[in-house]
Amino acid sequence: KIVSHSYPDHTAFDPESKYYDPKSSPDKPRWFMRDLKLIKKLPNI
């Protein structure tokens, strides 16, 4: 389930991250994320 509001994706600001985006900054974030909490892992796919 979704357990947070959206917030800027910090990986976009990190030049060492494979998700780095030089056009995204903390002042003008381009990418966002949310927190997810596991409810149940299924016994079978």
ModelCIF file with pLDDT and N, C-alpha, C, O atoms, coordinates in Angstrom:
data_MODEL
#
_entry.id   MODEL 
#
_entity.id                         1 
_entity.type                       polymer 
_entity.pdbx_number_of_molecules   1 
#
_entity_poly.entity_id                      1 
_entity_poly.type                           'polypeptide(L)' 
_entity_poly.nstd_linkage                   no 
_entity_poly.nstd_monomer                   no 
_entity_poly.pdbx_seq_one_letter_code       KIVSHSYPDHTAFDPESKYYDPKSSPDKPRWFMRDLKLIKKLPNI 
_entity_poly.pdbx_seq_one_letter_code_can   KIVSHSYPDHTAFDPESKYYDPKSSPDKPRWFMRDLKLIKKLPNI 
_entity_poly.pdbx_strand_id                 A 
#
loop_
_entity_poly_seq.entity_id 
_entity_poly_seq.num 
_entity_poly_seq.mon_id 
_entity_poly_seq.hetero 
1 1  LYS n 
1 2  ILE n 
1 3  VAL n 
1 4  SER n 
1 5  HIS n 
1 6  SER n 
1 7  TYR n 
1 8  PRO n 
1 9  ASP n 
1 10 HIS n 
1 11 THR n 
1 12 ALA n 
1 13 PHE n 
1 14 ASP n 
1 15 PRO n 
1 16 GLU n 
1 17 SER n 
1 18 LYS n 
1 19 TYR n 
1 20 TYR n 
1 21 ASP n 
1 22 PRO n 
1 23 LYS n 
1 24 SER n 
1 25 SER n 
1 26 PRO n 
1 27 ASP n 
1 28 LYS n 
1 29 PRO n 
1 30 ARG n 
1 31 TRP n 
1 32 PHE n 
1 33 MET n 
1 34 ARG n 
1 35 ASP n 
1 36 LEU n 
1 37 LYS n 
1 38 LEU n 
1 39 ILE n 
1 40 LYS n 
1 41 LYS n 
1 42 LEU n 
1 43 PRO n 
1 44 ASN n 
1 45 ILE n 
#
_struct_asym.id          A 
_struct_asym.entity_id   1 
#
loop_
_ma_qa_metric.id 
_ma_qa_metric.mode 
_ma_qa_metric.name 
_ma_qa_metric.software_group_id 
_ma_qa_metric.type 
1 global pLDDT . pLDDT 
2 local  pLDDT . pLDDT 
#
_ma_qa_metric_global.metric_id      1 
_ma_qa_metric_global.metric_value   96.20 
_ma_qa_metric_global.model_id       1 
_ma_qa_metric_global.ordinal_id     1 
#
loop_
_ma_qa_metric_local.label_asym_id 
_ma_qa_metric_local.label_comp_id 
_ma_qa_metric_local.label_seq_id 
_ma_qa_metric_local.metric_id 
_ma_qa_metric_local.metric_value 
_ma_qa_metric_local.model_id 
_ma_qa_metric_local.ordinal_id 
A LYS 1  2 98.00 1 1  
A ILE 2  2 98.00 1 2  
A VAL 3  2 98.00 1 3  
A SER 4  2 98.00 1 4  
A HIS 5  2 97.00 1 5  
A SER 6  2 97.00 1 6  
A TYR 7  2 98.00 1 7  
A PRO 8  2 98.00 1 8  
A ASP 9  2 98.00 1 9  
A HIS 10 2 96.00 1 10 
A THR 11 2 96.00 1 11 
A ALA 12 2 97.00 1 12 
A PHE 13 2 97.00 1 13 
A ASP 14 2 96.00 1 14 
A PRO 15 2 95.00 1 15 
A GLU 16 2 96.00 1 16 
A SER 17 2 95.00 1 17 
A LYS 18 2 94.00 1 18 
A TYR 19 2 95.00 1 19 
A TYR 20 2 96.00 1 20 
A ASP 21 2 96.00 1 21 
A PRO 22 2 95.00 1 22 
A LYS 23 2 95.00 1 23 
A SER 24 2 96.00 1 24 
A SER 25 2 94.00 1 25 
A PRO 26 2 94.00 1 26 
A ASP 27 2 95.00 1 27 
A LYS 28 2 95.00 1 28 
A PRO 29 2 97.00 1 29 
A ARG 30 2 97.00 1 30 
A TRP 31 2 98.00 1 31 
A PHE 32 2 98.00 1 32 
A MET 33 2 97.00 1 33 
A ARG 34 2 97.00 1 34 
A ASP 35 2 98.00 1 35 
A LEU 36 2 97.00 1 36 
A LYS 37 2 98.00 1 37 
A LEU 38 2 98.00 1 38 
A ILE 39 2 98.00 1 39 
A LYS 40 2 96.00 1 40 
A LYS 41 2 96.00 1 41 
A LEU 42 2 94.00 1 42 
A PRO 43 2 91.00 1 43 
A ASN 44 2 91.00 1 44 
A ILE 45 2 95.00 1 45 
#
loop_
_atom_site.group_PDB 
_atom_site.id 
_atom_site.type_symbol 
_atom_site.label_atom_id 
_atom_site.label_alt_id 
_atom_site.label_comp_id 
_atom_site.label_asym_id 
_atom_site.label_entity_id 
_atom_site.label_seq_id 
_atom_site.pdbx_PDB_ins_code 
_atom_site.Cartn_x 
_atom_site.Cartn_y 
_atom_site.Cartn_z 
_atom_site.occupancy 
_atom_site.B_iso_or_equiv 
_atom_site.pdbx_formal_charge 
_atom_site.auth_seq_id 
_atom_site.auth_comp_id 
_atom_site.auth_asym_id 
_atom_site.auth_atom_id 
_atom_site.pdbx_PDB_model_num 
ATOM 1   N N  . LYS A 1 1  ? 0.839  -1.191  0.000   1.00 98.00 ? 1  LYS A N  1 
ATOM 2   C CA . LYS A 1 1  ? 0.000  0.000   0.000   1.00 98.00 ? 1  LYS A CA 1 
ATOM 3   C C  . LYS A 1 1  ? 0.873  1.240   0.000   1.00 98.00 ? 1  LYS A C  1 
ATOM 4   O O  . LYS A 1 1  ? 2.019  1.213   0.449   1.00 98.00 ? 1  LYS A O  1 
ATOM 5   N N  . ILE A 1 2  ? 0.319  2.315   -0.506  1.00 98.00 ? 2  ILE A N  1 
ATOM 6   C CA . ILE A 1 2  ? 0.997  3.607   -0.541  1.00 98.00 ? 2  ILE A CA 1 
ATOM 7   C C  . ILE A 1 2  ? 0.887  4.218   0.853   1.00 98.00 ? 2  ILE A C  1 
ATOM 8   O O  . ILE A 1 2  ? -0.207 4.340   1.403   1.00 98.00 ? 2  ILE A O  1 
ATOM 9   N N  . VAL A 1 3  ? 2.037  4.602   1.421   1.00 98.00 ? 3  VAL A N  1 
ATOM 10  C CA . VAL A 1 3  ? 2.030  5.121   2.794   1.00 98.00 ? 3  VAL A CA 1 
ATOM 11  C C  . VAL A 1 3  ? 2.619  6.522   2.922   1.00 98.00 ? 3  VAL A C  1 
ATOM 12  O O  . VAL A 1 3  ? 2.837  6.999   4.036   1.00 98.00 ? 3  VAL A O  1 
ATOM 13  N N  . SER A 1 4  ? 2.879  7.188   1.797   1.00 98.00 ? 4  SER A N  1 
ATOM 14  C CA . SER A 1 4  ? 3.365  8.564   1.886   1.00 98.00 ? 4  SER A CA 1 
ATOM 15  C C  . SER A 1 4  ? 2.799  9.383   0.744   1.00 98.00 ? 4  SER A C  1 
ATOM 16  O O  . SER A 1 4  ? 2.329  8.846   -0.259  1.00 98.00 ? 4  SER A O  1 
ATOM 17  N N  . HIS A 1 5  ? 2.852  10.677  0.914   1.00 97.00 ? 5  HIS A N  1 
ATOM 18  C CA . HIS A 1 5  ? 2.552  11.585  -0.187  1.00 97.00 ? 5  HIS A CA 1 
ATOM 19  C C  . HIS A 1 5  ? 3.760  11.574  -1.118  1.00 97.00 ? 5  HIS A C  1 
ATOM 20  O O  . HIS A 1 5  ? 4.826  11.090  -0.739  1.00 97.00 ? 5  HIS A O  1 
ATOM 21  N N  . SER A 1 6  ? 3.607  12.097  -2.321  1.00 97.00 ? 6  SER A N  1 
ATOM 22  C CA . SER A 1 6  ? 4.742  12.142  -3.239  1.00 97.00 ? 6  SER A CA 1 
ATOM 23  C C  . SER A 1 6  ? 5.758  13.169  -2.734  1.00 97.00 ? 6  SER A C  1 
ATOM 24  O O  . SER A 1 6  ? 5.405  14.169  -2.109  1.00 97.00 ? 6  SER A O  1 
ATOM 25  N N  . TYR A 1 7  ? 7.016  12.891  -3.024  1.00 98.00 ? 7  TYR A N  1 
ATOM 26  C CA . TYR A 1 7  ? 8.094  13.811  -2.679  1.00 98.00 ? 7  TYR A CA 1 
ATOM 27  C C  . TYR A 1 7  ? 9.212  13.642  -3.702  1.00 98.00 ? 7  TYR A C  1 
ATOM 28  O O  . TYR A 1 7  ? 9.290  12.609  -4.368  1.00 98.00 ? 7  TYR A O  1 
ATOM 29  N N  . PRO A 1 8  ? 10.085 14.652  -3.833  1.00 98.00 ? 8  PRO A N  1 
ATOM 30  C CA . PRO A 1 8  ? 11.117 14.593  -4.867  1.00 98.00 ? 8  PRO A CA 1 
ATOM 31  C C  . PRO A 1 8  ? 12.005 13.350  -4.740  1.00 98.00 ? 8  PRO A C  1 
ATOM 32  O O  . PRO A 1 8  ? 12.401 12.958  -3.643  1.00 98.00 ? 8  PRO A O  1 
ATOM 33  N N  . ASP A 1 9  ? 12.301 12.753  -5.876  1.00 98.00 ? 9  ASP A N  1 
ATOM 34  C CA . ASP A 1 9  ? 13.172 11.588  -5.937  1.00 98.00 ? 9  ASP A CA 1 
ATOM 35  C C  . ASP A 1 9  ? 14.625 12.057  -5.843  1.00 98.00 ? 9  ASP A C  1 
ATOM 36  O O  . ASP A 1 9  ? 15.166 12.624  -6.792  1.00 98.00 ? 9  ASP A O  1 
ATOM 37  N N  . HIS A 1 10 ? 15.234 11.819  -4.712  1.00 96.00 ? 10 HIS A N  1 
ATOM 38  C CA . HIS A 1 10 ? 16.600 12.273  -4.454  1.00 96.00 ? 10 HIS A CA 1 
ATOM 39  C C  . HIS A 1 10 ? 17.631 11.627  -5.378  1.00 96.00 ? 10 HIS A C  1 
ATOM 40  O O  . HIS A 1 10 ? 18.708 12.190  -5.573  1.00 96.00 ? 10 HIS A O  1 
ATOM 41  N N  . THR A 1 11 ? 17.327 10.457  -5.954  1.00 96.00 ? 11 THR A N  1 
ATOM 42  C CA . THR A 1 11 ? 18.297 9.806   -6.830  1.00 96.00 ? 11 THR A CA 1 
ATOM 43  C C  . THR A 1 11 ? 18.551 10.628  -8.093  1.00 96.00 ? 11 THR A C  1 
ATOM 44  O O  . THR A 1 11 ? 19.596 10.483  -8.727  1.00 96.00 ? 11 THR A O  1 
ATOM 45  N N  . ALA A 1 12 ? 17.607 11.486  -8.457  1.00 97.00 ? 12 ALA A N  1 
ATOM 46  C CA . ALA A 1 12 ? 17.775 12.337  -9.636  1.00 97.00 ? 12 ALA A CA 1 
ATOM 47  C C  . ALA A 1 12 ? 18.844 13.403  -9.423  1.00 97.00 ? 12 ALA A C  1 
ATOM 48  O O  . ALA A 1 12 ? 19.381 13.942  -10.391 1.00 97.00 ? 12 ALA A O  1 
ATOM 49  N N  . PHE A 1 13 ? 19.159 13.714  -8.161  1.00 97.00 ? 13 PHE A N  1 
ATOM 50  C CA . PHE A 1 13 ? 20.123 14.768  -7.853  1.00 97.00 ? 13 PHE A CA 1 
ATOM 51  C C  . PHE A 1 13 ? 21.547 14.227  -7.662  1.00 97.00 ? 13 PHE A C  1 
ATOM 52  O O  . PHE A 1 13 ? 22.495 15.005  -7.545  1.00 97.00 ? 13 PHE A O  1 
ATOM 53  N N  . ASP A 1 14 ? 21.695 12.920  -7.630  1.00 96.00 ? 14 ASP A N  1 
ATOM 54  C CA . ASP A 1 14 ? 22.969 12.287  -7.310  1.00 96.00 ? 14 ASP A CA 1 
ATOM 55  C C  . ASP A 1 14 ? 23.706 11.858  -8.579  1.00 96.00 ? 14 ASP A C  1 
ATOM 56  O O  . ASP A 1 14 ? 23.279 10.914  -9.243  1.00 96.00 ? 14 ASP A O  1 
ATOM 57  N N  . PRO A 1 15 ? 24.799 12.531  -8.927  1.00 95.00 ? 15 PRO A N  1 
ATOM 58  C CA . PRO A 1 15 ? 25.530 12.177  -10.148 1.00 95.00 ? 15 PRO A CA 1 
ATOM 59  C C  . PRO A 1 15 ? 26.058 10.740  -10.156 1.00 95.00 ? 15 PRO A C  1 
ATOM 60  O O  . PRO A 1 15 ? 26.368 10.200  -11.217 1.00 95.00 ? 15 PRO A O  1 
ATOM 61  N N  . GLU A 1 16 ? 26.161 10.128  -8.989  1.00 96.00 ? 16 GLU A N  1 
ATOM 62  C CA . GLU A 1 16 ? 26.632 8.739   -8.914  1.00 96.00 ? 16 GLU A CA 1 
ATOM 63  C C  . GLU A 1 16 ? 25.505 7.727   -9.126  1.00 96.00 ? 16 GLU A C  1 
ATOM 64  O O  . GLU A 1 16 ? 25.771 6.539   -9.303  1.00 96.00 ? 16 GLU A O  1 
ATOM 65  N N  . SER A 1 17 ? 24.268 8.176   -9.110  1.00 95.00 ? 17 SER A N  1 
ATOM 66  C CA . SER A 1 17 ? 23.120 7.280   -9.259  1.00 95.00 ? 17 SER A CA 1 
ATOM 67  C C  . SER A 1 17 ? 22.834 6.997   -10.731 1.00 95.00 ? 17 SER A C  1 
ATOM 68  O O  . SER A 1 17 ? 22.997 7.867   -11.586 1.00 95.00 ? 17 SER A O  1 
ATOM 69  N N  . LYS A 1 18 ? 22.406 5.770   -11.011 1.00 94.00 ? 18 LYS A N  1 
ATOM 70  C CA . LYS A 1 18 ? 22.011 5.463   -12.389 1.00 94.00 ? 18 LYS A CA 1 
ATOM 71  C C  . LYS A 1 18 ? 20.731 6.194   -12.777 1.00 94.00 ? 18 LYS A C  1 
ATOM 72  O O  . LYS A 1 18 ? 20.371 6.232   -13.953 1.00 94.00 ? 18 LYS A O  1 
ATOM 73  N N  . TYR A 1 19 ? 20.046 6.772   -11.803 1.00 95.00 ? 19 TYR A N  1 
ATOM 74  C CA . TYR A 1 19 ? 18.818 7.532   -12.059 1.00 95.00 ? 19 TYR A CA 1 
ATOM 75  C C  . TYR A 1 19 ? 19.053 9.046   -12.084 1.00 95.00 ? 19 TYR A C  1 
ATOM 76  O O  . TYR A 1 19 ? 18.104 9.830   -12.090 1.00 95.00 ? 19 TYR A O  1 
ATOM 77  N N  . TYR A 1 20 ? 20.307 9.437   -12.099 1.00 96.00 ? 20 TYR A N  1 
ATOM 78  C CA . TYR A 1 20 ? 20.654 10.863  -12.116 1.00 96.00 ? 20 TYR A CA 1 
ATOM 79  C C  . TYR A 1 20 ? 20.055 11.570  -13.336 1.00 96.00 ? 20 TYR A C  1 
ATOM 80  O O  . TYR A 1 20 ? 20.076 11.052  -14.453 1.00 96.00 ? 20 TYR A O  1 
ATOM 81  N N  . ASP A 1 21 ? 19.526 12.761  -13.085 1.00 96.00 ? 21 ASP A N  1 
ATOM 82  C CA . ASP A 1 21 ? 19.006 13.607  -14.169 1.00 96.00 ? 21 ASP A CA 1 
ATOM 83  C C  . ASP A 1 21 ? 19.528 15.020  -13.936 1.00 96.00 ? 21 ASP A C  1 
ATOM 84  O O  . ASP A 1 21 ? 19.083 15.700  -13.011 1.00 96.00 ? 21 ASP A O  1 
ATOM 85  N N  . PRO A 1 22 ? 20.471 15.468  -14.768 1.00 95.00 ? 22 PRO A N  1 
ATOM 86  C CA . PRO A 1 22 ? 21.045 16.796  -14.556 1.00 95.00 ? 22 PRO A CA 1 
ATOM 87  C C  . PRO A 1 22 ? 20.034 17.934  -14.704 1.00 95.00 ? 22 PRO A C  1 
ATOM 88  O O  . PRO A 1 22 ? 20.304 19.058  -14.281 1.00 95.00 ? 22 PRO A O  1 
ATOM 89  N N  . LYS A 1 23 ? 18.874 17.653  -15.301 1.00 95.00 ? 23 LYS A N  1 
ATOM 90  C CA . LYS A 1 23 ? 17.853 18.689  -15.454 1.00 95.00 ? 23 LYS A CA 1 
ATOM 91  C C  . LYS A 1 23 ? 16.920 18.775  -14.247 1.00 95.00 ? 23 LYS A C  1 
ATOM 92  O O  . LYS A 1 23 ? 16.032 19.627  -14.201 1.00 95.00 ? 23 LYS A O  1 
ATOM 93  N N  . SER A 1 24 ? 17.124 17.898  -13.282 1.00 96.00 ? 24 SER A N  1 
ATOM 94  C CA . SER A 1 24 ? 16.308 17.901  -12.069 1.00 96.00 ? 24 SER A CA 1 
ATOM 95  C C  . SER A 1 24 ? 17.150 18.444  -10.917 1.00 96.00 ? 24 SER A C  1 
ATOM 96  O O  . SER A 1 24 ? 18.329 18.115  -10.785 1.00 96.00 ? 24 SER A O  1 
ATOM 97  N N  . SER A 1 25 ? 16.531 19.276  -10.092 1.00 94.00 ? 25 SER A N  1 
ATOM 98  C CA . SER A 1 25 ? 17.254 19.832  -8.942  1.00 94.00 ? 25 SER A CA 1 
ATOM 99  C C  . SER A 1 25 ? 16.311 19.896  -7.741  1.00 94.00 ? 25 SER A C  1 
ATOM 100 O O  . SER A 1 25 ? 15.094 19.828  -7.910  1.00 94.00 ? 25 SER A O  1 
ATOM 101 N N  . PRO A 1 26 ? 16.853 20.024  -6.543  1.00 94.00 ? 26 PRO A N  1 
ATOM 102 C CA . PRO A 1 26 ? 15.982 20.141  -5.375  1.00 94.00 ? 26 PRO A CA 1 
ATOM 103 C C  . PRO A 1 26 ? 15.023 21.338  -5.474  1.00 94.00 ? 26 PRO A C  1 
ATOM 104 O O  . PRO A 1 26 ? 13.908 21.284  -4.955  1.00 94.00 ? 26 PRO A O  1 
ATOM 105 N N  . ASP A 1 27 ? 15.462 22.423  -6.145  1.00 95.00 ? 27 ASP A N  1 
ATOM 106 C CA . ASP A 1 27 ? 14.597 23.596  -6.326  1.00 95.00 ? 27 ASP A CA 1 
ATOM 107 C C  . ASP A 1 27 ? 13.482 23.325  -7.337  1.00 95.00 ? 27 ASP A C  1 
ATOM 108 O O  . ASP A 1 27 ? 12.352 23.784  -7.170  1.00 95.00 ? 27 ASP A O  1 
ATOM 109 N N  . LYS A 1 28 ? 13.815 22.580  -8.378  1.00 95.00 ? 28 LYS A N  1 
ATOM 110 C CA . LYS A 1 28 ? 12.851 22.261  -9.438  1.00 95.00 ? 28 LYS A CA 1 
ATOM 111 C C  . LYS A 1 28 ? 12.926 20.767  -9.749  1.00 95.00 ? 28 LYS A C  1 
ATOM 112 O O  . LYS A 1 28 ? 13.480 20.362  -10.771 1.00 95.00 ? 28 LYS A O  1 
ATOM 113 N N  . PRO A 1 29 ? 12.361 19.955  -8.854  1.00 97.00 ? 29 PRO A N  1 
ATOM 114 C CA . PRO A 1 29 ? 12.439 18.506  -9.083  1.00 97.00 ? 29 PRO A CA 1 
ATOM 115 C C  . PRO A 1 29 ? 11.592 18.101  -10.294 1.00 97.00 ? 29 PRO A C  1 
ATOM 116 O O  . PRO A 1 29 ? 10.499 18.621  -10.517 1.00 97.00 ? 29 PRO A O  1 
ATOM 117 N N  . ARG A 1 30 ? 12.119 17.186  -11.039 1.00 97.00 ? 30 ARG A N  1 
ATOM 118 C CA . ARG A 1 30 ? 11.427 16.666  -12.219 1.00 97.00 ? 30 ARG A CA 1 
ATOM 119 C C  . ARG A 1 30 ? 10.780 15.316  -11.899 1.00 97.00 ? 30 ARG A C  1 
ATOM 120 O O  . ARG A 1 30 ? 9.769  14.948  -12.497 1.00 97.00 ? 30 ARG A O  1 
ATOM 121 N N  . TRP A 1 31 ? 11.365 14.589  -10.959 1.00 98.00 ? 31 TRP A N  1 
ATOM 122 C CA . TRP A 1 31 ? 10.943 13.219  -10.654 1.00 98.00 ? 31 TRP A CA 1 
ATOM 123 C C  . TRP A 1 31 ? 10.512 13.102  -9.198  1.00 98.00 ? 31 TRP A C  1 
ATOM 124 O O  . TRP A 1 31 ? 11.044 13.777  -8.317  1.00 98.00 ? 31 TRP A O  1 
ATOM 125 N N  . PHE A 1 32 ? 9.530  12.226  -8.966  1.00 98.00 ? 32 PHE A N  1 
ATOM 126 C CA . PHE A 1 32 ? 8.952  12.068  -7.634  1.00 98.00 ? 32 PHE A CA 1 
ATOM 127 C C  . PHE A 1 32 ? 8.863  10.597  -7.275  1.00 98.00 ? 32 PHE A C  1 
ATOM 128 O O  . PHE A 1 32 ? 8.980  9.719   -8.131  1.00 98.00 ? 32 PHE A O  1 
ATOM 129 N N  . MET A 1 33 ? 8.654  10.348  -5.995  1.00 97.00 ? 33 MET A N  1 
ATOM 130 C CA . MET A 1 33 ? 8.503  8.984   -5.512  1.00 97.00 ? 33 MET A CA 1 
ATOM 131 C C  . MET A 1 33 ? 7.506  8.956   -4.356  1.00 97.00 ? 33 MET A C  1 
ATOM 132 O O  . MET A 1 33 ? 7.061  9.994   -3.867  1.00 97.00 ? 33 MET A O  1 
ATOM 133 N N  . ARG A 1 34 ? 7.178  7.769   -3.947  1.00 97.00 ? 34 ARG A N  1 
ATOM 134 C CA . ARG A 1 34 ? 6.306  7.544   -2.788  1.00 97.00 ? 34 ARG A CA 1 
ATOM 135 C C  . ARG A 1 34 ? 6.853  6.364   -2.006  1.00 97.00 ? 34 ARG A C  1 
ATOM 136 O O  . ARG A 1 34 ? 7.639  5.568   -2.520  1.00 97.00 ? 34 ARG A O  1 
ATOM 137 N N  . ASP A 1 35 ? 6.428  6.265   -0.759  1.00 98.00 ? 35 ASP A N  1 
ATOM 138 C CA . ASP A 1 35 ? 6.806  5.122   0.058   1.00 98.00 ? 35 ASP A CA 1 
ATOM 139 C C  . ASP A 1 35 ? 5.725  4.057   -0.043  1.00 98.00 ? 35 ASP A C  1 
ATOM 140 O O  . ASP A 1 35 ? 4.530  4.346   -0.104  1.00 98.00 ? 35 ASP A O  1 
ATOM 141 N N  . LEU A 1 36 ? 6.189  2.821   -0.058  1.00 97.00 ? 36 LEU A N  1 
ATOM 142 C CA . LEU A 1 36 ? 5.342  1.647   -0.215  1.00 97.00 ? 36 LEU A CA 1 
ATOM 143 C C  . LEU A 1 36 ? 5.572  0.736   0.988   1.00 97.00 ? 36 LEU A C  1 
ATOM 144 O O  . LEU A 1 36 ? 6.708  0.561   1.427   1.00 97.00 ? 36 LEU A O  1 
ATOM 145 N N  . LYS A 1 37 ? 4.500  0.158   1.520   1.00 98.00 ? 37 LYS A N  1 
ATOM 146 C CA . LYS A 1 37 ? 4.610  -0.783  2.640   1.00 98.00 ? 37 LYS A CA 1 
ATOM 147 C C  . LYS A 1 37 ? 4.034  -2.125  2.214   1.00 98.00 ? 37 LYS A C  1 
ATOM 148 O O  . LYS A 1 37 ? 2.933  -2.195  1.669   1.00 98.00 ? 37 LYS A O  1 
ATOM 149 N N  . LEU A 1 38 ? 4.776  -3.172  2.464   1.00 98.00 ? 38 LEU A N  1 
ATOM 150 C CA . LEU A 1 38 ? 4.317  -4.519  2.126   1.00 98.00 ? 38 LEU A CA 1 
ATOM 151 C C  . LEU A 1 38 ? 3.129  -4.911  2.997   1.00 98.00 ? 38 LEU A C  1 
ATOM 152 O O  . LEU A 1 38 ? 3.165  -4.761  4.218   1.00 98.00 ? 38 LEU A O  1 
ATOM 153 N N  . ILE A 1 39 ? 2.095  -5.406  2.367   1.00 98.00 ? 39 ILE A N  1 
ATOM 154 C CA . ILE A 1 39 ? 0.961  -5.980  3.094   1.00 98.00 ? 39 ILE A CA 1 
ATOM 155 C C  . ILE A 1 39 ? 1.110  -7.495  3.137   1.00 98.00 ? 39 ILE A C  1 
ATOM 156 O O  . ILE A 1 39 ? 0.945  -8.124  4.182   1.00 98.00 ? 39 ILE A O  1 
ATOM 157 N N  . LYS A 1 40 ? 1.430  -8.074  1.964   1.00 96.00 ? 40 LYS A N  1 
ATOM 158 C CA . LYS A 1 40 ? 1.492  -9.534  1.889   1.00 96.00 ? 40 LYS A CA 1 
ATOM 159 C C  . LYS A 1 40 ? 2.344  -9.972  0.708   1.00 96.00 ? 40 LYS A C  1 
ATOM 160 O O  . LYS A 1 40 ? 2.167  -9.492  -0.412  1.00 96.00 ? 40 LYS A O  1 
ATOM 161 N N  . LYS A 1 41 ? 3.253  -10.870 0.966   1.00 96.00 ? 41 LYS A N  1 
ATOM 162 C CA . LYS A 1 41 ? 3.976  -11.550 -0.112  1.00 96.00 ? 41 LYS A CA 1 
ATOM 163 C C  . LYS A 1 41 ? 3.147  -12.787 -0.457  1.00 96.00 ? 41 LYS A C  1 
ATOM 164 O O  . LYS A 1 41 ? 2.773  -13.557 0.428   1.00 96.00 ? 41 LYS A O  1 
ATOM 165 N N  . LEU A 1 42 ? 2.865  -12.971 -1.734  1.00 94.00 ? 42 LEU A N  1 
ATOM 166 C CA . LEU A 1 42 ? 2.053  -14.113 -2.142  1.00 94.00 ? 42 LEU A CA 1 
ATOM 167 C C  . LEU A 1 42 ? 2.865  -15.401 -2.054  1.00 94.00 ? 42 LEU A C  1 
ATOM 168 O O  . LEU A 1 42 ? 4.067  -15.396 -2.318  1.00 94.00 ? 42 LEU A O  1 
ATOM 169 N N  . PRO A 1 43 ? 2.216  -16.502 -1.686  1.00 91.00 ? 43 PRO A N  1 
ATOM 170 C CA . PRO A 1 43 ? 2.945  -17.774 -1.608  1.00 91.00 ? 43 PRO A CA 1 
ATOM 171 C C  . PRO A 1 43 ? 3.372  -18.267 -2.996  1.00 91.00 ? 43 PRO A C  1 
ATOM 172 O O  . PRO A 1 43 ? 4.371  -18.973 -3.131  1.00 91.00 ? 43 PRO A O  1 
ATOM 173 N N  . ASN A 1 44 ? 2.608  -17.890 -4.021  1.00 91.00 ? 44 ASN A N  1 
ATOM 174 C CA . ASN A 1 44 ? 2.912  -18.276 -5.401  1.00 91.00 ? 44 ASN A CA 1 
ATOM 175 C C  . ASN A 1 44 ? 2.700  -17.071 -6.304  1.00 91.00 ? 44 ASN A C  1 
ATOM 176 O O  . ASN A 1 44 ? 1.810  -16.253 -6.072  1.00 91.00 ? 44 ASN A O  1 
ATOM 177 N N  . ILE A 1 45 ? 3.519  -16.974 -7.323  1.00 95.00 ? 45 ILE A N  1 
ATOM 178 C CA . ILE A 1 45 ? 3.390  -15.893 -8.288  1.00 95.00 ? 45 ILE A CA 1 
ATOM 179 C C  . ILE A 1 45 ? 2.106  -16.078 -9.117  1.00 95.00 ? 45 ILE A C  1 
ATOM 180 O O  . ILE A 1 45 ? 1.813  -15.263 -9.992  1.00 95.00 ? 45 ILE A O  1 
#
